[in-house]
Amino acid sequence: MAVVIKALCVALIAAVLIVAVVPPAEAALSCGTVISYLGPCLPYVTDQGPLGGCCGGVKQLYVAARTTPDRQSACNCLKYLAGNYKRVNLQKAARLPKQCGVNIPYKISPSTDCTKVR
């Protein structure tokens, strides 16, 4: 339970940091929103549990990210989380879209160039 609480705290701090750097006029999709969609994925990508309800959140995020600024914002948030939360299994995170039947235009990775996402 403490691991989950710590993970959520890290995610919330990351959301605040991302929101602070992304101008609100550019993207309607905040990092906090991305995190709320993908919260059910946390046990899976940290090797703490099954895939469970994760795909529902992945699909909701895919639908919510309608514009280029939304997709870039989601990409930046995922990139930040993948690079700064050390317990994330990057291979599992990168496979999530395909596992959930969603085709996103970038790899979930700390090295993704989100400026190229359209």
N, C-alpha and C. Protein backbone atom coordinates (compact mmCIF):
# COMPACT_ATOMS: atom_id res chain seq x y z
N MET A 1 0.82 -1.19 0.00
CA MET A 1 0.00 0.00 0.00
C MET A 1 0.87 1.25 0.00
N ALA A 2 1.97 1.22 0.75
CA ALA A 2 2.85 2.38 0.81
C ALA A 2 3.48 2.65 -0.55
N VAL A 3 3.75 1.58 -1.30
CA VAL A 3 4.34 1.75 -2.63
C VAL A 3 3.35 2.45 -3.56
N VAL A 4 2.09 2.09 -3.48
CA VAL A 4 1.06 2.70 -4.32
C VAL A 4 0.89 4.18 -3.96
N ILE A 5 0.87 4.49 -2.67
CA ILE A 5 0.72 5.88 -2.23
C ILE A 5 1.93 6.69 -2.70
N LYS A 6 3.12 6.13 -2.55
CA LYS A 6 4.32 6.83 -3.00
C LYS A 6 4.27 7.05 -4.51
N ALA A 7 3.84 6.05 -5.26
CA ALA A 7 3.75 6.18 -6.71
C ALA A 7 2.75 7.27 -7.10
N LEU A 8 1.63 7.31 -6.43
CA LEU A 8 0.63 8.34 -6.72
C LEU A 8 1.16 9.73 -6.39
N CYS A 9 1.91 9.85 -5.30
CA CYS A 9 2.50 11.14 -4.93
C CYS A 9 3.50 11.59 -6.00
N VAL A 10 4.33 10.65 -6.47
CA VAL A 10 5.29 10.97 -7.52
C VAL A 10 4.55 11.41 -8.78
N ALA A 11 3.49 10.69 -9.12
CA ALA A 11 2.71 11.03 -10.32
C ALA A 11 2.07 12.41 -10.18
N LEU A 12 1.55 12.73 -9.02
CA LEU A 12 0.93 14.04 -8.82
C LEU A 12 1.96 15.16 -8.89
N ILE A 13 3.12 14.93 -8.31
CA ILE A 13 4.19 15.94 -8.39
C ILE A 13 4.59 16.13 -9.85
N ALA A 14 4.70 15.02 -10.57
CA ALA A 14 5.04 15.11 -11.99
C ALA A 14 3.98 15.90 -12.75
N ALA A 15 2.73 15.67 -12.42
CA ALA A 15 1.64 16.38 -13.09
C ALA A 15 1.76 17.88 -12.86
N VAL A 16 2.04 18.26 -11.64
CA VAL A 16 2.19 19.69 -11.33
C VAL A 16 3.36 20.28 -12.11
N LEU A 17 4.47 19.56 -12.18
CA LEU A 17 5.63 20.06 -12.91
C LEU A 17 5.35 20.19 -14.40
N ILE A 18 4.68 19.21 -14.96
CA ILE A 18 4.36 19.25 -16.40
C ILE A 18 3.40 20.40 -16.67
N VAL A 19 2.39 20.56 -15.84
CA VAL A 19 1.41 21.63 -16.02
C VAL A 19 2.11 22.99 -15.94
N ALA A 20 3.14 23.08 -15.11
CA ALA A 20 3.85 24.35 -14.95
C ALA A 20 4.64 24.73 -16.20
N VAL A 21 5.08 23.73 -16.98
CA VAL A 21 5.87 24.04 -18.17
C VAL A 21 5.07 24.08 -19.47
N VAL A 22 3.90 23.50 -19.49
CA VAL A 22 3.08 23.51 -20.71
C VAL A 22 2.08 24.65 -20.61
N PRO A 23 2.16 25.61 -21.52
CA PRO A 23 1.21 26.72 -21.48
C PRO A 23 -0.21 26.21 -21.65
N PRO A 24 -1.16 26.66 -20.84
CA PRO A 24 -2.51 26.14 -20.88
C PRO A 24 -3.21 26.36 -22.21
N ALA A 25 -2.86 27.39 -22.96
CA ALA A 25 -3.52 27.65 -24.23
C ALA A 25 -3.13 26.63 -25.29
N GLU A 26 -1.98 25.96 -25.11
CA GLU A 26 -1.51 25.02 -26.11
C GLU A 26 -2.19 23.66 -26.02
N ALA A 27 -2.49 23.19 -24.84
CA ALA A 27 -3.02 21.84 -24.70
C ALA A 27 -4.15 21.80 -23.69
N ALA A 28 -5.26 21.22 -24.10
CA ALA A 28 -6.38 21.07 -23.20
C ALA A 28 -6.19 19.85 -22.32
N LEU A 29 -5.32 18.94 -22.72
CA LEU A 29 -5.11 17.70 -22.00
C LEU A 29 -3.94 17.87 -21.02
N SER A 30 -4.25 17.91 -19.74
CA SER A 30 -3.21 18.12 -18.73
C SER A 30 -2.55 16.80 -18.35
N CYS A 31 -1.39 16.90 -17.72
CA CYS A 31 -0.71 15.70 -17.24
C CYS A 31 -1.54 15.02 -16.15
N GLY A 32 -2.23 15.82 -15.36
CA GLY A 32 -3.11 15.24 -14.34
C GLY A 32 -4.19 14.38 -14.97
N THR A 33 -4.71 14.81 -16.11
CA THR A 33 -5.72 14.03 -16.81
C THR A 33 -5.11 12.74 -17.35
N VAL A 34 -3.93 12.84 -17.92
CA VAL A 34 -3.23 11.65 -18.43
C VAL A 34 -3.05 10.64 -17.30
N ILE A 35 -2.59 11.13 -16.16
CA ILE A 35 -2.36 10.26 -15.01
C ILE A 35 -3.66 9.62 -14.53
N SER A 36 -4.75 10.40 -14.54
CA SER A 36 -6.02 9.83 -14.08
C SER A 36 -6.49 8.71 -15.01
N TYR A 37 -6.26 8.85 -16.32
CA TYR A 37 -6.62 7.78 -17.25
C TYR A 37 -5.76 6.54 -17.04
N LEU A 38 -4.48 6.76 -16.79
CA LEU A 38 -3.54 5.64 -16.75
C LEU A 38 -3.24 5.13 -15.35
N GLY A 39 -3.90 5.67 -14.35
CA GLY A 39 -3.70 5.19 -12.98
C GLY A 39 -3.84 3.68 -12.83
N PRO A 40 -4.84 3.06 -13.48
CA PRO A 40 -4.97 1.61 -13.36
C PRO A 40 -3.80 0.82 -13.97
N CYS A 41 -2.96 1.48 -14.74
CA CYS A 41 -1.81 0.82 -15.36
C CYS A 41 -0.60 0.73 -14.43
N LEU A 42 -0.60 1.54 -13.38
CA LEU A 42 0.57 1.63 -12.51
C LEU A 42 1.01 0.28 -11.94
N PRO A 43 0.10 -0.55 -11.40
CA PRO A 43 0.58 -1.85 -10.90
C PRO A 43 1.23 -2.70 -11.99
N TYR A 44 0.68 -2.65 -13.19
CA TYR A 44 1.22 -3.46 -14.29
C TYR A 44 2.61 -2.98 -14.71
N VAL A 45 2.77 -1.68 -14.96
CA VAL A 45 4.06 -1.19 -15.46
C VAL A 45 5.14 -1.12 -14.38
N THR A 46 4.77 -1.35 -13.12
CA THR A 46 5.76 -1.42 -12.05
C THR A 46 5.94 -2.85 -11.55
N ASP A 47 5.46 -3.80 -12.33
CA ASP A 47 5.59 -5.23 -12.02
C ASP A 47 4.96 -5.60 -10.67
N GLN A 48 3.88 -4.88 -10.31
CA GLN A 48 3.21 -5.13 -9.04
C GLN A 48 1.85 -5.80 -9.20
N GLY A 49 1.39 -5.97 -10.45
CA GLY A 49 0.08 -6.57 -10.65
C GLY A 49 -0.21 -6.82 -12.12
N PRO A 50 -1.42 -7.34 -12.39
CA PRO A 50 -1.80 -7.66 -13.77
C PRO A 50 -2.22 -6.42 -14.56
N LEU A 51 -2.45 -6.62 -15.84
CA LEU A 51 -2.89 -5.55 -16.73
C LEU A 51 -4.23 -4.99 -16.26
N GLY A 52 -5.11 -5.84 -15.77
CA GLY A 52 -6.37 -5.41 -15.18
C GLY A 52 -7.15 -4.44 -16.04
N GLY A 53 -7.60 -3.33 -15.46
CA GLY A 53 -8.41 -2.34 -16.15
C GLY A 53 -7.61 -1.29 -16.89
N CYS A 54 -6.35 -1.52 -17.08
CA CYS A 54 -5.46 -0.55 -17.70
C CYS A 54 -5.91 -0.17 -19.11
N CYS A 55 -6.31 -1.14 -19.91
CA CYS A 55 -6.64 -0.86 -21.32
C CYS A 55 -7.81 0.11 -21.45
N GLY A 56 -8.73 0.07 -20.54
CA GLY A 56 -9.84 1.04 -20.58
C GLY A 56 -9.32 2.46 -20.50
N GLY A 57 -8.36 2.70 -19.62
CA GLY A 57 -7.76 4.02 -19.48
C GLY A 57 -6.93 4.41 -20.68
N VAL A 58 -6.20 3.46 -21.24
CA VAL A 58 -5.38 3.72 -22.42
C VAL A 58 -6.30 4.15 -23.58
N LYS A 59 -7.40 3.43 -23.74
CA LYS A 59 -8.34 3.76 -24.82
C LYS A 59 -9.02 5.11 -24.60
N GLN A 60 -9.36 5.42 -23.35
CA GLN A 60 -9.96 6.72 -23.04
C GLN A 60 -8.98 7.86 -23.34
N LEU A 61 -7.72 7.66 -22.98
CA LEU A 61 -6.70 8.67 -23.26
C LEU A 61 -6.55 8.86 -24.76
N TYR A 62 -6.55 7.77 -25.50
CA TYR A 62 -6.43 7.85 -26.95
C TYR A 62 -7.56 8.70 -27.55
N VAL A 63 -8.76 8.49 -27.08
CA VAL A 63 -9.92 9.25 -27.57
C VAL A 63 -9.81 10.72 -27.13
N ALA A 64 -9.34 10.96 -25.92
CA ALA A 64 -9.25 12.32 -25.39
C ALA A 64 -8.19 13.16 -26.09
N ALA A 65 -7.13 12.52 -26.57
CA ALA A 65 -6.03 13.24 -27.22
C ALA A 65 -6.35 13.44 -28.70
N ARG A 66 -7.24 14.38 -28.97
CA ARG A 66 -7.75 14.59 -30.33
C ARG A 66 -6.88 15.51 -31.18
N THR A 67 -6.23 16.46 -30.55
CA THR A 67 -5.47 17.45 -31.31
C THR A 67 -3.96 17.21 -31.16
N THR A 68 -3.19 17.82 -32.04
CA THR A 68 -1.73 17.71 -31.94
C THR A 68 -1.23 18.22 -30.59
N PRO A 69 -1.68 19.38 -30.10
CA PRO A 69 -1.21 19.81 -28.77
C PRO A 69 -1.60 18.82 -27.66
N ASP A 70 -2.78 18.21 -27.76
CA ASP A 70 -3.18 17.20 -26.77
C ASP A 70 -2.24 16.00 -26.82
N ARG A 71 -1.95 15.52 -28.03
CA ARG A 71 -1.07 14.35 -28.18
C ARG A 71 0.35 14.67 -27.71
N GLN A 72 0.82 15.88 -28.00
CA GLN A 72 2.16 16.27 -27.54
C GLN A 72 2.20 16.41 -26.03
N SER A 73 1.13 16.93 -25.46
CA SER A 73 1.05 17.06 -24.00
C SER A 73 1.05 15.69 -23.34
N ALA A 74 0.25 14.76 -23.86
CA ALA A 74 0.22 13.39 -23.33
C ALA A 74 1.59 12.74 -23.47
N CYS A 75 2.21 12.93 -24.62
CA CYS A 75 3.54 12.38 -24.87
C CYS A 75 4.55 12.92 -23.85
N ASN A 76 4.54 14.24 -23.64
CA ASN A 76 5.48 14.85 -22.68
C ASN A 76 5.25 14.33 -21.27
N CYS A 77 4.01 14.16 -20.90
CA CYS A 77 3.71 13.64 -19.57
C CYS A 77 4.23 12.21 -19.43
N LEU A 78 3.93 11.36 -20.41
CA LEU A 78 4.38 9.97 -20.37
C LEU A 78 5.90 9.87 -20.41
N LYS A 79 6.51 10.73 -21.20
CA LYS A 79 7.97 10.76 -21.29
C LYS A 79 8.57 11.12 -19.93
N TYR A 80 8.01 12.14 -19.31
CA TYR A 80 8.49 12.57 -18.00
C TYR A 80 8.34 11.45 -16.97
N LEU A 81 7.17 10.84 -16.93
CA LEU A 81 6.92 9.78 -15.97
C LEU A 81 7.83 8.58 -16.22
N ALA A 82 8.00 8.21 -17.48
CA ALA A 82 8.87 7.08 -17.81
C ALA A 82 10.32 7.34 -17.42
N GLY A 83 10.74 8.58 -17.55
CA GLY A 83 12.13 8.91 -17.24
C GLY A 83 12.41 9.20 -15.79
N ASN A 84 11.38 9.54 -15.03
CA ASN A 84 11.62 9.97 -13.65
C ASN A 84 11.06 9.04 -12.58
N TYR A 85 10.25 8.10 -12.96
CA TYR A 85 9.76 7.14 -11.98
C TYR A 85 10.49 5.83 -12.23
N LYS A 86 11.51 5.57 -11.43
CA LYS A 86 12.46 4.49 -11.67
C LYS A 86 11.86 3.09 -11.61
N ARG A 87 10.71 2.93 -11.01
CA ARG A 87 10.13 1.59 -10.89
C ARG A 87 9.36 1.17 -12.14
N VAL A 88 9.22 2.06 -13.11
CA VAL A 88 8.48 1.73 -14.32
C VAL A 88 9.30 0.78 -15.19
N ASN A 89 8.67 -0.32 -15.57
CA ASN A 89 9.26 -1.25 -16.51
C ASN A 89 9.02 -0.65 -17.90
N LEU A 90 10.06 -0.09 -18.48
CA LEU A 90 9.92 0.65 -19.74
C LEU A 90 9.45 -0.23 -20.89
N GLN A 91 9.81 -1.49 -20.87
CA GLN A 91 9.35 -2.40 -21.93
C GLN A 91 7.85 -2.61 -21.85
N LYS A 92 7.34 -2.79 -20.65
CA LYS A 92 5.89 -2.94 -20.48
C LYS A 92 5.16 -1.66 -20.86
N ALA A 93 5.71 -0.53 -20.45
CA ALA A 93 5.08 0.76 -20.77
C ALA A 93 5.02 0.96 -22.29
N ALA A 94 6.10 0.64 -22.98
CA ALA A 94 6.15 0.82 -24.43
C ALA A 94 5.17 -0.11 -25.15
N ARG A 95 4.90 -1.28 -24.58
CA ARG A 95 3.99 -2.24 -25.21
C ARG A 95 2.51 -1.97 -24.92
N LEU A 96 2.22 -1.11 -23.96
CA LEU A 96 0.83 -0.88 -23.55
C LEU A 96 -0.12 -0.55 -24.70
N PRO A 97 0.20 0.43 -25.54
CA PRO A 97 -0.75 0.76 -26.61
C PRO A 97 -1.11 -0.44 -27.48
N LYS A 98 -0.10 -1.18 -27.92
CA LYS A 98 -0.35 -2.34 -28.77
C LYS A 98 -1.16 -3.40 -28.04
N GLN A 99 -0.82 -3.66 -26.78
CA GLN A 99 -1.55 -4.65 -25.98
C GLN A 99 -3.02 -4.27 -25.85
N CYS A 100 -3.28 -2.98 -25.82
CA CYS A 100 -4.64 -2.49 -25.63
C CYS A 100 -5.35 -2.18 -26.95
N GLY A 101 -4.71 -2.48 -28.07
CA GLY A 101 -5.33 -2.29 -29.37
C GLY A 101 -5.43 -0.84 -29.81
N VAL A 102 -4.48 -0.02 -29.38
CA VAL A 102 -4.47 1.40 -29.71
C VAL A 102 -3.16 1.71 -30.44
N ASN A 103 -3.25 2.50 -31.48
CA ASN A 103 -2.06 2.88 -32.24
C ASN A 103 -1.74 4.34 -31.97
N ILE A 104 -0.73 4.57 -31.14
CA ILE A 104 -0.32 5.95 -30.87
C ILE A 104 0.92 6.27 -31.71
N PRO A 105 1.11 7.54 -32.08
CA PRO A 105 2.20 7.89 -33.00
C PRO A 105 3.57 8.07 -32.35
N TYR A 106 3.81 7.46 -31.21
CA TYR A 106 5.11 7.57 -30.55
C TYR A 106 5.28 6.42 -29.57
N LYS A 107 6.52 6.20 -29.16
CA LYS A 107 6.85 5.17 -28.18
C LYS A 107 6.86 5.80 -26.79
N ILE A 108 6.30 5.13 -25.82
CA ILE A 108 6.36 5.61 -24.43
C ILE A 108 7.77 5.31 -23.93
N SER A 109 8.57 6.36 -23.87
CA SER A 109 9.99 6.22 -23.55
C SER A 109 10.54 7.56 -23.09
N PRO A 110 11.56 7.55 -22.23
CA PRO A 110 12.19 8.81 -21.82
C PRO A 110 12.93 9.50 -22.96
N SER A 111 13.18 8.79 -24.06
CA SER A 111 13.94 9.38 -25.16
C SER A 111 13.05 9.85 -26.33
N THR A 112 11.76 9.76 -26.20
CA THR A 112 10.85 10.17 -27.28
C THR A 112 10.91 11.68 -27.49
N ASP A 113 10.96 12.09 -28.76
CA ASP A 113 10.92 13.51 -29.11
C ASP A 113 9.45 13.88 -29.35
N CYS A 114 8.83 14.42 -28.36
CA CYS A 114 7.39 14.72 -28.42
C CYS A 114 7.07 15.89 -29.36
N THR A 115 8.07 16.66 -29.75
CA THR A 115 7.81 17.74 -30.70
C THR A 115 7.47 17.21 -32.08
N LYS A 116 7.81 15.96 -32.35
CA LYS A 116 7.53 15.34 -33.65
C LYS A 116 6.17 14.65 -33.70
N VAL A 117 5.50 14.59 -32.57
CA VAL A 117 4.17 13.95 -32.52
C VAL A 117 3.16 14.86 -33.18
N ARG A 118 2.37 14.33 -34.06
CA ARG A 118 1.34 15.11 -34.78
C ARG A 118 -0.03 14.57 -34.51
